[in-house]
């Protein structure tokens, strides 16, 4: 089912049918919606100026979960793999688990974010996937870490490891 999602300055997120312009459902937020919402097969994710990240049921707009944010969001939510990214009005981008909204990790940018980060759809495995720019003009790319999993050390020359 296709949706046109519209966040309003009246503290609401509307799902509108692109076929006939009918409002399918509407969900109240605690403040104005920030940026564009993100979506996957079952949920819609958005941040609001009440410093809350929301996950809604895509079909009916019911709240699946909500998570208080540690800082004011500066842009819309971005859905990446098993997390939702939210840029803050600081130098941080928070990552929250799609399943529960629990904090997962934080990305530290080079400076205070100057706008919403850009998410590349299908970059090469070693290319930056998330691009952010600071207010000072520093451009920064973030890519998944590709390195072998840590392995326990073996015997070192002249040193026995373990018992």
Protein backbone atom coordinates (compact mmCIF):
# COMPACT_ATOMS: atom_id res chain seq x y z
CA UNK A 1 0.00 0.00 0.00
CA UNK A 2 1.47 3.33 -1.04
CA UNK A 3 1.35 6.27 1.36
CA UNK A 4 1.94 9.96 1.05
CA UNK A 5 3.12 11.00 4.51
CA UNK A 6 2.65 14.60 5.56
CA UNK A 7 3.94 16.03 8.82
CA UNK A 8 2.24 19.23 9.90
CA UNK A 9 2.98 22.23 12.07
CA UNK A 10 -0.24 21.29 13.89
CA UNK A 11 1.57 18.35 15.56
CA UNK A 12 0.15 15.63 13.32
CA UNK A 13 1.37 13.06 10.82
CA UNK A 14 -1.15 12.15 8.10
CA UNK A 15 -1.14 9.15 5.77
CA UNK A 16 -2.79 10.21 2.53
CA UNK A 17 -3.83 7.94 -0.32
CA UNK A 18 -2.01 9.04 -3.49
CA UNK A 19 -4.90 7.65 -5.56
CA UNK A 20 -7.74 9.81 -4.26
CA UNK A 21 -6.18 12.22 -1.73
CA UNK A 22 -8.16 10.70 1.15
CA UNK A 23 -6.60 10.79 4.62
CA UNK A 24 -6.18 7.11 5.63
CA UNK A 25 -5.13 7.83 9.17
CA UNK A 26 -3.70 10.62 11.29
CA UNK A 27 -1.50 10.40 14.38
CA UNK A 28 -0.93 13.17 16.93
CA UNK A 29 2.64 14.02 17.91
CA UNK A 30 3.76 15.99 20.96
CA UNK A 31 5.13 18.78 18.75
CA UNK A 32 5.78 19.65 15.11
CA UNK A 33 7.10 16.81 12.94
CA UNK A 34 10.79 17.22 11.96
CA UNK A 35 11.83 16.45 8.39
CA UNK A 36 10.53 13.58 6.30
CA UNK A 37 9.40 10.31 7.91
CA UNK A 38 11.08 7.00 7.04
CA UNK A 39 9.26 3.75 6.34
CA UNK A 40 9.77 0.03 5.90
CA UNK A 41 7.34 -2.81 5.12
CA UNK A 42 5.52 -2.60 8.46
CA UNK A 43 6.36 0.69 10.20
CA UNK A 44 6.73 4.42 9.76
CA UNK A 45 9.34 6.30 11.81
CA UNK A 46 9.44 10.03 12.50
CA UNK A 47 10.89 12.50 14.96
CA UNK A 48 9.15 15.51 16.45
CA UNK A 49 10.30 18.67 18.20
CA UNK A 50 9.13 17.24 21.54
CA UNK A 51 12.43 15.25 21.35
CA UNK A 52 10.62 11.97 20.70
CA UNK A 53 11.14 9.33 18.00
CA UNK A 54 7.92 7.54 17.03
CA UNK A 55 7.32 4.19 15.28
CA UNK A 56 3.82 3.71 13.87
CA UNK A 57 2.00 0.75 12.37
CA UNK A 58 2.07 1.45 8.64
CA UNK A 59 -1.45 0.11 8.07
CA UNK A 60 -3.42 1.96 10.75
CA UNK A 61 -1.09 4.56 12.29
CA UNK A 62 -1.17 3.06 15.79
CA UNK A 63 1.93 3.73 17.87
CA UNK A 64 4.25 0.70 18.03
CA UNK A 65 6.76 2.44 20.31
CA UNK A 66 8.11 5.86 21.17
CA UNK A 67 11.54 6.80 22.46
CA UNK A 68 12.65 9.99 24.22
CA UNK A 69 15.66 11.44 22.42
CA UNK A 70 18.73 12.76 24.27
CA UNK A 71 18.77 15.94 22.18
CA UNK A 72 16.62 17.98 19.81
CA UNK A 73 16.29 16.35 16.36
CA UNK A 74 17.55 18.45 13.45
CA UNK A 75 16.14 16.31 10.63
CA UNK A 76 13.90 13.42 9.77
CA UNK A 77 14.47 9.78 10.64
CA UNK A 78 16.50 7.54 8.31
CA UNK A 79 15.88 3.76 8.21
CA UNK A 80 19.13 1.77 7.75
CA UNK A 81 19.37 -2.02 8.19
CA UNK A 82 18.08 -2.73 11.72
CA UNK A 83 18.27 0.83 13.06
CA UNK A 84 16.61 4.21 12.67
CA UNK A 85 19.06 7.13 12.53
CA UNK A 86 18.10 10.53 13.91
CA UNK A 87 20.36 13.57 13.44
CA UNK A 88 20.52 15.86 16.46
CA UNK A 89 21.10 19.59 16.66
CA UNK A 90 24.53 18.74 18.10
CA UNK A 91 27.35 16.83 16.39
CA UNK A 92 25.67 13.47 17.02
CA UNK A 93 23.48 11.10 15.02
CA UNK A 94 21.64 8.61 17.22
CA UNK A 95 20.83 5.06 16.14
CA UNK A 96 17.80 3.27 17.60
CA UNK A 97 16.70 -0.35 17.10
CA UNK A 98 13.75 -0.68 14.71
CA UNK A 99 12.20 -3.42 16.84
CA UNK A 100 11.99 -1.55 20.17
CA UNK A 101 13.44 1.95 19.79
CA UNK A 102 16.22 1.11 22.25
CA UNK A 103 19.41 3.14 21.72
CA UNK A 104 21.96 1.17 19.68
CA UNK A 105 24.93 3.47 19.02
CA UNK A 106 25.85 7.10 18.36
CA UNK A 107 27.79 8.51 15.42
CA UNK A 108 29.92 11.55 16.24
CA UNK A 109 30.22 13.97 13.30
CA UNK A 110 33.08 16.44 12.75
CA UNK A 111 31.02 19.35 14.07
CA UNK A 112 27.51 20.56 14.72
CA UNK A 113 25.32 19.22 11.92
CA UNK A 114 24.39 21.77 9.29
CA UNK A 115 21.38 19.87 7.97
CA UNK A 116 19.91 16.45 7.51
CA UNK A 117 22.46 13.75 6.61
CA UNK A 118 22.19 12.07 3.22
CA UNK A 119 21.81 8.28 3.04
CA UNK A 120 23.13 6.59 -0.11
CA UNK A 121 20.93 3.73 -1.31
CA UNK A 122 23.37 1.12 -2.59
CA UNK A 123 27.00 2.23 -2.38
CA UNK A 124 29.95 -0.11 -2.84
CA UNK A 125 30.63 -2.06 0.39
CA UNK A 126 33.64 0.11 1.22
CA UNK A 127 32.12 3.45 0.16
CA UNK A 128 30.51 5.89 2.61
CA UNK A 129 26.83 5.19 3.10
CA UNK A 130 25.91 8.17 5.28
CA UNK A 131 27.12 11.67 4.35
CA UNK A 132 26.94 14.56 6.83
CA UNK A 133 28.01 18.18 6.66
CA UNK A 134 28.79 20.38 9.64
CA UNK A 135 27.73 24.02 9.98
CA UNK A 136 31.40 24.90 9.47
CA UNK A 137 31.41 23.11 6.10
CA UNK A 138 33.23 19.88 7.06
CA UNK A 139 31.98 17.05 4.86
CA UNK A 140 32.15 13.60 6.44
CA UNK A 141 31.27 10.14 5.13
CA UNK A 142 30.46 7.13 7.31
CA UNK A 143 30.76 3.54 6.08
CA UNK A 144 30.28 0.16 7.75
CA UNK A 145 33.42 -1.18 9.34
CA UNK A 146 34.83 -4.05 7.30
CA UNK A 147 37.42 -6.02 9.18
CA UNK A 148 37.76 -9.59 10.38
CA UNK A 149 36.06 -10.57 13.62
CA UNK A 150 38.40 -10.53 16.61
CA UNK A 151 39.90 -13.95 17.34
CA UNK A 152 41.48 -15.11 20.58
CA UNK A 153 45.27 -14.87 20.52
CA UNK A 154 47.24 -18.02 19.92
CA UNK A 155 50.59 -18.95 21.45
CA UNK A 156 53.17 -16.23 21.10
CA UNK A 157 56.85 -17.06 20.67
CA UNK A 158 58.24 -17.76 24.13
CA UNK A 159 54.87 -17.07 25.86
CA UNK A 160 52.16 -19.62 26.53
CA UNK A 161 48.65 -18.16 26.42
CA UNK A 162 45.99 -19.63 28.69
CA UNK A 163 46.42 -22.36 31.35
